[in-house]
Amino acid sequence: MRGMGNMQGMMKQMQKMQKQMAEAQEELGNQRFEAVAGGGMVKVVVSGHKEVLEVEIDPSVMDPEDVEMLQDLIVIATNDAIKKAEETSNSTMGQFTKGLNLPGM
C-alpha cells in the first residue's frame, strides 16, 4: 500500500505541472515577437503561437519594377520573427521536460 501514496503524490505533481504548462503556453501566446528586414523597411510581428499579427511596409520599398525584393524582405522578417517566438517557446516549455527523458520532448 505504500506505493499508492507515491503514485498519488506523483499524480498531484503531474497535475500541477500540467497547470503550469498551460499557464506558460497562454503567456507565450500573449507575447509579441518583432523582426525587421531591409534596414527596417519591412516589420513583421508574430505571437508566441507563431501567428502573424502585423506586417508593416515602408512605402518607399514598394517598387513595381522590383516586387521580388519586397517579397524577399517579407519572408526574411517573417521567418526571423517566427524563429524568435520558437526559441522563446522552446526555452520556456523546455523547463517542464528537463530531466524527464521523454521521447519526442
PDB file of N, CA and C in Angstrom:
ATOM      1  N   MET A   1       0.823  -1.209   0.000  1.00  0.00           N
ATOM      2  CA  MET A   1       0.000   0.000   0.000  1.00  0.00           C
ATOM      3  C   MET A   1       0.857   1.259   0.000  1.00  0.00           C
ATOM      4  N   ARG A   2       2.098   1.083   0.326  1.00  0.00           N
ATOM      5  CA  ARG A   2       2.973   2.240   0.395  1.00  0.00           C
ATOM      6  C   ARG A   2       3.154   2.900  -0.979  1.00  0.00           C
ATOM      7  N   GLY A   3       3.125   2.100  -2.032  1.00  0.00           N
ATOM      8  CA  GLY A   3       3.290   2.609  -3.379  1.00  0.00           C
ATOM      9  C   GLY A   3       2.150   3.514  -3.808  1.00  0.00           C
ATOM     10  N   MET A   4       0.983   3.340  -3.232  1.00  0.00           N
ATOM     11  CA  MET A   4      -0.175   4.166  -3.589  1.00  0.00           C
ATOM     12  C   MET A   4       0.045   5.627  -3.215  1.00  0.00           C
ATOM     13  N   GLY A   5       0.672   5.854  -2.086  1.00  0.00           N
ATOM     14  CA  GLY A   5       0.972   7.233  -1.666  1.00  0.00           C
ATOM     15  C   GLY A   5       1.917   7.901  -2.639  1.00  0.00           C
ATOM     16  N   ASN A   6       2.925   7.141  -3.079  1.00  0.00           N
ATOM     17  CA  ASN A   6       3.866   7.684  -4.062  1.00  0.00           C
ATOM     18  C   ASN A   6       3.155   7.991  -5.375  1.00  0.00           C
ATOM     19  N   MET A   7       2.242   7.100  -5.755  1.00  0.00           N
ATOM     20  CA  MET A   7       1.505   7.286  -7.005  1.00  0.00           C
ATOM     21  C   MET A   7       0.619   8.529  -6.918  1.00  0.00           C
ATOM     22  N   GLN A   8      -0.050   8.708  -5.799  1.00  0.00           N
ATOM     23  CA  GLN A   8      -0.902   9.886  -5.626  1.00  0.00           C
ATOM     24  C   GLN A   8      -0.068  11.166  -5.655  1.00  0.00           C
ATOM     25  N   GLY A   9       1.068  11.124  -4.999  1.00  0.00           N
ATOM     26  CA  GLY A   9       1.956  12.284  -4.985  1.00  0.00           C
ATOM     27  C   GLY A   9       2.443  12.613  -6.385  1.00  0.00           C
ATOM     28  N   MET A  10       2.772  11.562  -7.120  1.00  0.00           N
ATOM     29  CA  MET A  10       3.242  11.766  -8.482  1.00  0.00           C
ATOM     30  C   MET A  10       2.120  12.335  -9.364  1.00  0.00           C
ATOM     31  N   MET A  11       0.904  11.841  -9.176  1.00  0.00           N
ATOM     32  CA  MET A  11      -0.236  12.343  -9.950  1.00  0.00           C
ATOM     33  C   MET A  11      -0.491  13.821  -9.636  1.00  0.00           C
ATOM     34  N   LYS A  12      -0.373  14.195  -8.367  1.00  0.00           N
ATOM     35  CA  LYS A  12      -0.560  15.598  -7.988  1.00  0.00           C
ATOM     36  C   LYS A  12       0.516  16.465  -8.637  1.00  0.00           C
ATOM     37  N   GLN A  13       1.745  15.958  -8.647  1.00  0.00           N
ATOM     38  CA  GLN A  13       2.835  16.713  -9.272  1.00  0.00           C
ATOM     39  C   GLN A  13       2.581  16.887 -10.769  1.00  0.00           C
ATOM     40  N   MET A  14       2.100  15.837 -11.411  1.00  0.00           N
ATOM     41  CA  MET A  14       1.808  15.901 -12.848  1.00  0.00           C
ATOM     42  C   MET A  14       0.690  16.910 -13.128  1.00  0.00           C
ATOM     43  N   GLN A  15      -0.343  16.911 -12.292  1.00  0.00           N
ATOM     44  CA  GLN A  15      -1.436  17.858 -12.470  1.00  0.00           C
ATOM     45  C   GLN A  15      -0.942  19.294 -12.294  1.00  0.00           C
ATOM     46  N   LYS A  16      -0.083  19.487 -11.310  1.00  0.00           N
ATOM     47  CA  LYS A  16       0.479  20.816 -11.066  1.00  0.00           C
ATOM     48  C   LYS A  16       1.326  21.248 -12.268  1.00  0.00           C
ATOM     49  N   MET A  17       2.124  20.316 -12.790  1.00  0.00           N
ATOM     50  CA  MET A  17       2.973  20.629 -13.936  1.00  0.00           C
ATOM     51  C   MET A  17       2.112  20.932 -15.170  1.00  0.00           C
ATOM     52  N   GLN A  18       1.024  20.194 -15.369  1.00  0.00           N
ATOM     53  CA  GLN A  18       0.128  20.453 -16.493  1.00  0.00           C
ATOM     54  C   GLN A  18      -0.467  21.859 -16.400  1.00  0.00           C
ATOM     55  N   LYS A  19      -0.858  22.244 -15.196  1.00  0.00           N
ATOM     56  CA  LYS A  19      -1.429  23.577 -14.999  1.00  0.00           C
ATOM     57  C   LYS A  19      -0.379  24.645 -15.303  1.00  0.00           C
ATOM     58  N   GLN A  20       0.838  24.430 -14.819  1.00  0.00           N
ATOM     59  CA  GLN A  20       1.913  25.389 -15.068  1.00  0.00           C
ATOM     60  C   GLN A  20       2.232  25.480 -16.565  1.00  0.00           C
ATOM     61  N   MET A  21       2.209  24.334 -17.252  1.00  0.00           N
ATOM     62  CA  MET A  21       2.478  24.323 -18.689  1.00  0.00           C
ATOM     63  C   MET A  21       1.392  25.096 -19.440  1.00  0.00           C
ATOM     64  N   ALA A  22       0.142  24.888 -19.056  1.00  0.00           N
ATOM     65  CA  ALA A  22      -0.967  25.589 -19.705  1.00  0.00           C
ATOM     66  C   ALA A  22      -0.838  27.096 -19.494  1.00  0.00           C
ATOM     67  N   GLU A  23      -0.458  27.497 -18.284  1.00  0.00           N
ATOM     68  CA  GLU A  23      -0.272  28.921 -17.993  1.00  0.00           C
ATOM     69  C   GLU A  23       0.883  29.492 -18.809  1.00  0.00           C
ATOM     70  N   ALA A  24       1.970  28.716 -18.914  1.00  0.00           N
ATOM     71  CA  ALA A  24       3.128  29.173 -19.682  1.00  0.00           C
ATOM     72  C   ALA A  24       2.777  29.299 -21.160  1.00  0.00           C
ATOM     73  N   GLN A  25       2.000  28.355 -21.697  1.00  0.00           N
ATOM     74  CA  GLN A  25       1.585  28.430 -23.095  1.00  0.00           C
ATOM     75  C   GLN A  25       0.695  29.648 -23.344  1.00  0.00           C
ATOM     76  N   GLU A  26      -0.196  29.921 -22.411  1.00  0.00           N
ATOM     77  CA  GLU A  26      -1.061  31.090 -22.561  1.00  0.00           C
ATOM     78  C   GLU A  26      -0.232  32.372 -22.535  1.00  0.00           C
ATOM     79  N   GLU A  27       0.725  32.413 -21.622  1.00  0.00           N
ATOM     80  CA  GLU A  27       1.599  33.576 -21.518  1.00  0.00           C
ATOM     81  C   GLU A  27       2.402  33.764 -22.805  1.00  0.00           C
ATOM     82  N   LEU A  28       2.903  32.656 -23.346  1.00  0.00           N
ATOM     83  CA  LEU A  28       3.648  32.712 -24.610  1.00  0.00           C
ATOM     84  C   LEU A  28       2.772  33.264 -25.729  1.00  0.00           C
ATOM     85  N   GLY A  29       1.534  32.805 -25.766  1.00  0.00           N
ATOM     86  CA  GLY A  29       0.608  33.256 -26.804  1.00  0.00           C
ATOM     87  C   GLY A  29       0.363  34.748 -26.762  1.00  0.00           C
ATOM     88  N   ASN A  30       0.486  35.332 -25.587  1.00  0.00           N
ATOM     89  CA  ASN A  30       0.258  36.766 -25.429  1.00  0.00           C
ATOM     90  C   ASN A  30       1.496  37.599 -25.759  1.00  0.00           C
ATOM     91  N   GLN A  31       2.643  36.937 -25.869  1.00  0.00           N
ATOM     92  CA  GLN A  31       3.866  37.669 -26.189  1.00  0.00           C
ATOM     93  C   GLN A  31       3.903  37.994 -27.676  1.00  0.00           C
ATOM     94  N   ARG A  32       4.619  39.066 -27.986  1.00  0.00           N
ATOM     95  CA  ARG A  32       4.761  39.509 -29.369  1.00  0.00           C
ATOM     96  C   ARG A  32       6.244  39.512 -29.716  1.00  0.00           C
ATOM     97  N   PHE A  33       6.550  39.010 -30.917  1.00  0.00           N
ATOM     98  CA  PHE A  33       7.930  38.935 -31.385  1.00  0.00           C
ATOM     99  C   PHE A  33       8.022  39.697 -32.696  1.00  0.00           C
ATOM    100  N   GLU A  34       8.944  40.636 -32.725  1.00  0.00           N
ATOM    101  CA  GLU A  34       9.070  41.540 -33.857  1.00  0.00           C
ATOM    102  C   GLU A  34      10.397  41.316 -34.559  1.00  0.00           C
ATOM    103  N   ALA A  35      10.367  41.384 -35.884  1.00  0.00           N
ATOM    104  CA  ALA A  35      11.595  41.316 -36.670  1.00  0.00           C
ATOM    105  C   ALA A  35      11.478  42.285 -37.835  1.00  0.00           C
ATOM    106  N   VAL A  36      12.617  42.808 -38.246  1.00  0.00           N
ATOM    107  CA  VAL A  36      12.641  43.746 -39.365  1.00  0.00           C
ATOM    108  C   VAL A  36      13.608  43.231 -40.426  1.00  0.00           C
ATOM    109  N   ALA A  37      13.405  43.704 -41.640  1.00  0.00           N
ATOM    110  CA  ALA A  37      14.305  43.387 -42.749  1.00  0.00           C
ATOM    111  C   ALA A  37      14.466  44.644 -43.596  1.00  0.00           C
ATOM    112  N   GLY A  38      15.538  44.657 -44.359  1.00  0.00           N
ATOM    113  CA  GLY A  38      15.774  45.809 -45.236  1.00  0.00           C
ATOM    114  C   GLY A  38      16.014  47.080 -44.464  1.00  0.00           C
ATOM    115  N   GLY A  39      16.716  46.970 -43.357  1.00  0.00           N
ATOM    116  CA  GLY A  39      17.004  48.160 -42.560  1.00  0.00           C
ATOM    117  C   GLY A  39      15.768  48.801 -41.967  1.00  0.00           C
ATOM    118  N   GLY A  40      14.756  47.980 -41.674  1.00  0.00           N
ATOM    119  CA  GLY A  40      13.542  48.496 -41.067  1.00  0.00           C
ATOM    120  C   GLY A  40      12.443  48.806 -42.075  1.00  0.00           C
ATOM    121  N   MET A  41      12.691  48.503 -43.335  1.00  0.00           N
ATOM    122  CA  MET A  41      11.687  48.774 -44.374  1.00  0.00           C
ATOM    123  C   MET A  41      10.466  47.862 -44.241  1.00  0.00           C
ATOM    124  N   VAL A  42      10.682  46.658 -43.713  1.00  0.00           N
ATOM    125  CA  VAL A  42       9.592  45.707 -43.502  1.00  0.00           C
ATOM    126  C   VAL A  42       9.674  45.236 -42.054  1.00  0.00           C
ATOM    127  N   LYS A  43       8.537  45.272 -41.372  1.00  0.00           N
ATOM    128  CA  LYS A  43       8.473  44.806 -39.986  1.00  0.00           C
ATOM    129  C   LYS A  43       7.333  43.797 -39.892  1.00  0.00           C
ATOM    130  N   VAL A  44       7.629  42.675 -39.219  1.00  0.00           N
ATOM    131  CA  VAL A  44       6.619  41.646 -39.007  1.00  0.00           C
ATOM    132  C   VAL A  44       6.554  41.349 -37.518  1.00  0.00           C
ATOM    133  N   VAL A  45       5.340  41.232 -36.995  1.00  0.00           N
ATOM    134  CA  VAL A  45       5.115  40.891 -35.593  1.00  0.00           C
ATOM    135  C   VAL A  45       4.317  39.594 -35.561  1.00  0.00           C
ATOM    136  N   VAL A  46       4.812  38.618 -34.771  1.00  0.00           N
ATOM    137  CA  VAL A  46       4.099  37.356 -34.603  1.00  0.00           C
ATOM    138  C   VAL A  46       3.833  37.131 -33.124  1.00  0.00           C
ATOM    139  N   SER A  47       2.840  36.287 -32.850  1.00  0.00           N
ATOM    140  CA  SER A  47       2.532  35.931 -31.457  1.00  0.00           C
ATOM    141  C   SER A  47       3.406  34.752 -31.048  1.00  0.00           C
ATOM    142  N   GLY A  48       3.354  34.430 -29.771  1.00  0.00           N
ATOM    143  CA  GLY A  48       4.071  33.263 -29.266  1.00  0.00           C
ATOM    144  C   GLY A  48       3.530  31.968 -29.830  1.00  0.00           C
ATOM    145  N   HIS A  49       2.347  32.019 -30.420  1.00  0.00           N
ATOM    146  CA  HIS A  49       1.772  30.845 -31.084  1.00  0.00           C
ATOM    147  C   HIS A  49       2.150  30.829 -32.565  1.00  0.00           C
ATOM    148  N   LYS A  50       3.075  31.716 -32.935  1.00  0.00           N
ATOM    149  CA  LYS A  50       3.617  31.814 -34.289  1.00  0.00           C
ATOM    150  C   LYS A  50       2.569  32.208 -35.323  1.00  0.00           C
ATOM    151  N   GLU A  51       1.663  33.069 -34.926  1.00  0.00           N
ATOM    152  CA  GLU A  51       0.676  33.632 -35.847  1.00  0.00           C
ATOM    153  C   GLU A  51       1.096  35.048 -36.199  1.00  0.00           C
ATOM    154  N   VAL A  52       1.037  35.392 -37.473  1.00  0.00           N
ATOM    155  CA  VAL A  52       1.396  36.736 -37.904  1.00  0.00           C
ATOM    156  C   VAL A  52       0.318  37.704 -37.438  1.00  0.00           C
ATOM    157  N   LEU A  53       0.734  38.715 -36.672  1.00  0.00           N
ATOM    158  CA  LEU A  53      -0.201  39.697 -36.130  1.00  0.00           C
ATOM    159  C   LEU A  53      -0.186  41.000 -36.932  1.00  0.00           C
ATOM    160  N   GLU A  54       1.008  41.387 -37.379  1.00  0.00           N
ATOM    161  CA  GLU A  54       1.156  42.665 -38.086  1.00  0.00           C
ATOM    162  C   GLU A  54       2.231  42.556 -39.155  1.00  0.00           C
ATOM    163  N   VAL A  55       2.032  43.284 -40.229  1.00  0.00           N
ATOM    164  CA  VAL A  55       3.058  43.464 -41.253  1.00  0.00           C
ATOM    165  C   VAL A  55       3.052  44.947 -41.597  1.00  0.00           C
ATOM    166  N   GLU A  56       4.194  45.582 -41.442  1.00  0.00           N
ATOM    167  CA  GLU A  56       4.325  46.989 -41.805  1.00  0.00           C
ATOM    168  C   GLU A  56       5.350  47.100 -42.920  1.00  0.00           C
ATOM    169  N   ILE A  57       4.985  47.827 -43.967  1.00  0.00           N
ATOM    170  CA  ILE A  57       5.875  48.002 -45.109  1.00  0.00           C
ATOM    171  C   ILE A  57       6.049  49.488 -45.372  1.00  0.00           C
ATOM    172  N   ASP A  58       7.288  49.940 -45.396  1.00  0.00           N
ATOM    173  CA  ASP A  58       7.588  51.333 -45.721  1.00  0.00           C
ATOM    174  C   ASP A  58       7.238  51.558 -47.196  1.00  0.00           C
ATOM    175  N   PRO A  59       6.424  52.555 -47.494  1.00  0.00           N
ATOM    176  CA  PRO A  59       6.007  52.795 -48.887  1.00  0.00           C
ATOM    177  C   PRO A  59       7.182  52.962 -49.857  1.00  0.00           C
ATOM    178  N   SER A  60       8.313  53.414 -49.355  1.00  0.00           N
ATOM    179  CA  SER A  60       9.452  53.638 -50.254  1.00  0.00           C
ATOM    180  C   SER A  60      10.027  52.343 -50.826  1.00  0.00           C
ATOM    181  N   VAL A  61       9.691  51.218 -50.224  1.00  0.00           N
ATOM    182  CA  VAL A  61      10.213  49.934 -50.705  1.00  0.00           C
ATOM    183  C   VAL A  61       9.281  49.298 -51.743  1.00  0.00           C
ATOM    184  N   MET A  62       8.148  49.925 -51.994  1.00  0.00           N
ATOM    185  CA  MET A  62       7.185  49.387 -52.958  1.00  0.00           C
ATOM    186  C   MET A  62       7.516  49.864 -54.366  1.00  0.00           C
ATOM    187  N   ASP A  63       8.343  49.098 -55.025  1.00  0.00           N
ATOM    188  CA  ASP A  63       8.761  49.403 -56.391  1.00  0.00           C
ATOM    189  C   ASP A  63       8.119  48.380 -57.325  1.00  0.00           C
ATOM    190  N   PRO A  64       7.203  48.813 -58.181  1.00  0.00           N
ATOM    191  CA  PRO A  64       6.531  47.871 -59.089  1.00  0.00           C
ATOM    192  C   PRO A  64       7.519  47.131 -59.999  1.00  0.00           C
ATOM    193  N   GLU A  65       8.693  47.693 -60.177  1.00  0.00           N
ATOM    194  CA  GLU A  65       9.712  47.058 -61.013  1.00  0.00           C
ATOM    195  C   GLU A  65      10.486  45.980 -60.251  1.00  0.00           C
ATOM    196  N   ASP A  66      10.376  45.969 -58.922  1.00  0.00           N
ATOM    197  CA  ASP A  66      11.155  45.021 -58.118  1.00  0.00           C
ATOM    198  C   ASP A  66      10.293  44.423 -57.004  1.00  0.00           C
ATOM    199  N   VAL A  67       9.215  43.785 -57.388  1.00  0.00           N
ATOM    200  CA  VAL A  67       8.303  43.150 -56.428  1.00  0.00           C
ATOM    201  C   VAL A  67       9.012  42.030 -55.672  1.00  0.00           C
ATOM    202  N   GLU A  68       9.937  41.348 -56.331  1.00  0.00           N
ATOM    203  CA  GLU A  68      10.649  40.232 -55.704  1.00  0.00           C
ATOM    204  C   GLU A  68      11.420  40.675 -54.459  1.00  0.00           C
ATOM    205  N   MET A  69      11.996  41.863 -54.491  1.00  0.00           N
ATOM    206  CA  MET A  69      12.734  42.344 -53.322  1.00  0.00           C
ATOM    207  C   MET A  69      11.791  42.499 -52.126  1.00  0.00           C
ATOM    208  N   LEU A  70      10.627  43.073 -52.346  1.00  0.00           N
ATOM    209  CA  LEU A  70       9.652  43.245 -51.273  1.00  0.00           C
ATOM    210  C   LEU A  70       9.210  41.888 -50.740  1.00  0.00           C
ATOM    211  N   GLN A  71       8.959  40.959 -51.625  1.00  0.00           N
ATOM    212  CA  GLN A  71       8.567  39.617 -51.205  1.00  0.00           C
ATOM    213  C   GLN A  71       9.660  38.983 -50.355  1.00  0.00           C
ATOM    214  N   ASP A  72      10.908  39.122 -50.778  1.00  0.00           N
ATOM    215  CA  ASP A  72      12.036  38.569 -50.018  1.00  0.00           C
ATOM    216  C   ASP A  72      12.131  39.186 -48.631  1.00  0.00           C
ATOM    217  N   LEU A  73      11.943  40.502 -48.551  1.00  0.00           N
ATOM    218  CA  LEU A  73      12.020  41.182 -47.255  1.00  0.00           C
ATOM    219  C   LEU A  73      10.913  40.697 -46.316  1.00  0.00           C
ATOM    220  N   ILE A  74       9.730  40.467 -46.854  1.00  0.00           N
ATOM    221  CA  ILE A  74       8.620  39.973 -46.032  1.00  0.00           C
ATOM    222  C   ILE A  74       8.935  38.571 -45.521  1.00  0.00           C
ATOM    223  N   VAL A  75       9.461  37.724 -46.390  1.00  0.00           N
ATOM    224  CA  VAL A  75       9.815  36.358 -45.986  1.00  0.00           C
ATOM    225  C   VAL A  75      10.898  36.380 -44.910  1.00  0.00           C
ATOM    226  N   ILE A  76      11.918  37.184 -45.103  1.00  0.00           N
ATOM    227  CA  ILE A  76      13.023  37.273 -44.146  1.00  0.00           C
ATOM    228  C   ILE A  76      12.514  37.725 -42.778  1.00  0.00           C
ATOM    229  N   ALA A  77      11.743  38.805 -42.752  1.00  0.00           N
ATOM    230  CA  ALA A  77      11.243  39.335 -41.481  1.00  0.00           C
ATOM    231  C   ALA A  77      10.298  38.341 -40.807  1.00  0.00           C
ATOM    232  N   THR A  78       9.441  37.692 -41.589  1.00  0.00           N
ATOM    233  CA  THR A  78       8.501  36.721 -41.015  1.00  0.00           C
ATOM    234  C   THR A  78       9.245  35.536 -40.411  1.00  0.00           C
ATOM    235  N   ASN A  79      10.187  34.986 -41.160  1.00  0.00           N
ATOM    236  CA  ASN A  79      10.943  33.841 -40.650  1.00  0.00           C
ATOM    237  C   ASN A  79      11.741  34.198 -39.399  1.00  0.00           C
ATOM    238  N   ASP A  80      12.294  35.394 -39.370  1.00  0.00           N
ATOM    239  CA  ASP A  80      13.066  35.825 -38.199  1.00  0.00           C
ATOM    240  C   ASP A  80      12.163  35.984 -36.970  1.00  0.00           C
ATOM    241  N   ALA A  81      10.995  36.556 -37.157  1.00  0.00           N
ATOM    242  CA  ALA A  81      10.061  36.726 -36.037  1.00  0.00           C
ATOM    243  C   ALA A  81       9.588  35.367 -35.518  1.00  0.00           C
ATOM    244  N   ILE A  82       9.298  34.442 -36.440  1.00  0.00           N
ATOM    245  CA  ILE A  82       8.874  33.097 -36.026  1.00  0.00           C
ATOM    246  C   ILE A  82       9.994  32.390 -35.289  1.00  0.00           C
ATOM    247  N   LYS A  83      11.226  32.559 -35.753  1.00  0.00           N
ATOM    248  CA  LYS A  83      12.380  31.946 -35.086  1.00  0.00           C
ATOM    249  C   LYS A  83      12.517  32.466 -33.651  1.00  0.00           C
ATOM    250  N   LYS A  84      12.330  33.760 -33.465  1.00  0.00           N
ATOM    251  CA  LYS A  84      12.397  34.339 -32.117  1.00  0.00           C
ATOM    252  C   LYS A  84      11.312  33.747 -31.222  1.00  0.00           C
ATOM    253  N   ALA A  85      10.100  33.621 -31.761  1.00  0.00           N
ATOM    254  CA  ALA A  85       8.989  33.046 -30.990  1.00  0.00           C
ATOM    255  C   ALA A  85       9.280  31.591 -30.641  1.00  0.00           C
ATOM    256  N   GLU A  86       9.828  30.860 -31.598  1.00  0.00           N
ATOM    257  CA  GLU A  86      10.133  29.453 -31.388  1.00  0.00           C
ATOM    258  C   GLU A  86      11.219  29.263 -30.328  1.00  0.00           C
ATOM    259  N   GLU A  87      12.260  30.084 -30.390  1.00  0.00           N
ATOM    260  CA  GLU A  87      13.342  29.992 -29.409  1.00  0.00           C
ATOM    261  C   GLU A  87      12.825  30.269 -27.999  1.00  0.00           C
ATOM    262  N   THR A  88      11.982  31.277 -27.869  1.00  0.00           N
ATOM    263  CA  THR A  88      11.410  31.591 -26.557  1.00  0.00           C
ATOM    264  C   THR A  88      10.499  30.466 -26.093  1.00  0.00           C
ATOM    265  N   SER A  89       9.716  29.925 -26.996  1.00  0.00           N
ATOM    266  CA  SER A  89       8.816  28.822 -26.666  1.00  0.00           C
ATOM    267  C   SER A  89       9.608  27.600 -26.213  1.00  0.00           C
ATOM    268  N   ASN A  90      10.648  27.246 -26.953  1.00  0.00           N
ATOM    269  CA  ASN A  90      11.468  26.095 -26.585  1.00  0.00           C
ATOM    270  C   ASN A  90      12.129  26.293 -25.226  1.00  0.00           C
ATOM    271  N   SER A  91      12.599  27.492 -24.988  1.00  0.00           N
ATOM    272  CA  SER A  91      13.246  27.795 -23.713  1.00  0.00           C
ATOM    273  C   SER A  91      12.245  27.727 -22.560  1.00  0.00           C
ATOM    274  N   THR A  92      11.069  28.306 -22.763  1.00  0.00           N
ATOM    275  CA  THR A  92      10.050  28.342 -21.715  1.00  0.00           C
ATOM    276  C   THR A  92       9.479  26.960 -21.445  1.00  0.00           C
ATOM    277  N   MET A  93       9.094  26.255 -22.495  1.00  0.00           N
ATOM    278  CA  MET A  93       8.454  24.956 -22.321  1.00  0.00           C
ATOM    279  C   MET A  93       9.475  23.875 -21.969  1.00  0.00           C
ATOM    280  N   GLY A  94      10.724  24.072 -22.349  1.00  0.00           N
ATOM    281  CA  GLY A  94      11.765  23.095 -22.050  1.00  0.00           C
ATOM    282  C   GLY A  94      12.000  22.909 -20.564  1.00  0.00           C
ATOM    283  N   GLN A  95      11.675  23.925 -19.775  1.00  0.00           N
ATOM    284  CA  GLN A  95      11.866  23.807 -18.332  1.00  0.00           C
ATOM    285  C   GLN A  95      10.966  22.730 -17.740  1.00  0.00           C
ATOM    286  N   PHE A  96       9.864  22.410 -18.421  1.00  0.00           N
ATOM    287  CA  PHE A  96       8.935  21.411 -17.901  1.00  0.00           C
ATOM    288  C   PHE A  96       9.372  19.989 -18.217  1.00  0.00           C
ATOM    289  N   THR A  97      10.138  19.814 -19.287  1.00  0.00           N
ATOM    290  CA  THR A  97      10.534  18.468 -19.689  1.00  0.00           C
ATOM    291  C   THR A  97      11.972  18.143 -19.314  1.00  0.00           C
ATOM    292  N   LYS A  98      12.705  19.110 -18.838  1.00  0.00           N
ATOM    293  CA  LYS A  98      14.096  18.919 -18.469  1.00  0.00           C
ATOM    294  C   LYS A  98      14.222  17.830 -17.391  1.00  0.00           C
ATOM    295  N   GLY A  99      15.055  16.848 -17.677  1.00  0.00           N
ATOM    296  CA  GLY A  99      15.298  15.788 -16.719  1.00  0.00           C
ATOM    297  C   GLY A  99      14.279  14.659 -16.760  1.00  0.00           C
ATOM    298  N   LEU A 100      13.226  14.778 -17.571  1.00  0.00           N
ATOM    299  CA  LEU A 100      12.226  13.718 -17.630  1.00  0.00           C
ATOM    300  C   LEU A 100      12.605  12.618 -18.622  1.00  0.00           C
ATOM    301  N   ASN A 101      13.476  12.939 -19.599  1.00  0.00           N
ATOM    302  CA  ASN A 101      13.931  11.976 -20.604  1.00  0.00           C
ATOM    303  C   ASN A 101      12.761  11.336 -21.336  1.00  0.00           C
ATOM    304  N   LEU A 102      11.842  12.172 -21.818  1.00  0.00           N
ATOM    305  CA  LEU A 102      10.688  11.693 -22.555  1.00  0.00           C
ATOM    306  C   LEU A 102      10.980  11.731 -24.050  1.00  0.00           C
ATOM    307  N   PRO A 103      10.687  10.657 -24.778  1.00  0.00           N
ATOM    308  CA  PRO A 103      10.926  10.680 -26.212  1.00  0.00           C
ATOM    309  C   PRO A 103      10.049  11.729 -26.895  1.00  0.00           C
ATOM    310  N   GLY A 104      10.636  12.448 -27.838  1.00  0.00           N
ATOM    311  CA  GLY A 104       9.885  13.451 -28.576  1.00  0.00           C
ATOM    312  C   GLY A 104       9.744  14.782 -27.872  1.00  0.00           C
ATOM    313  N   MET A 105      10.317  14.945 -26.717  1.00  0.00           N
ATOM    314  CA  MET A 105      10.191  16.203 -25.962  1.00  0.00           C
ATOM    315  C   MET A 105      11.526  16.909 -25.904  1.00  0.00           C
TER     316      MET A 105
END
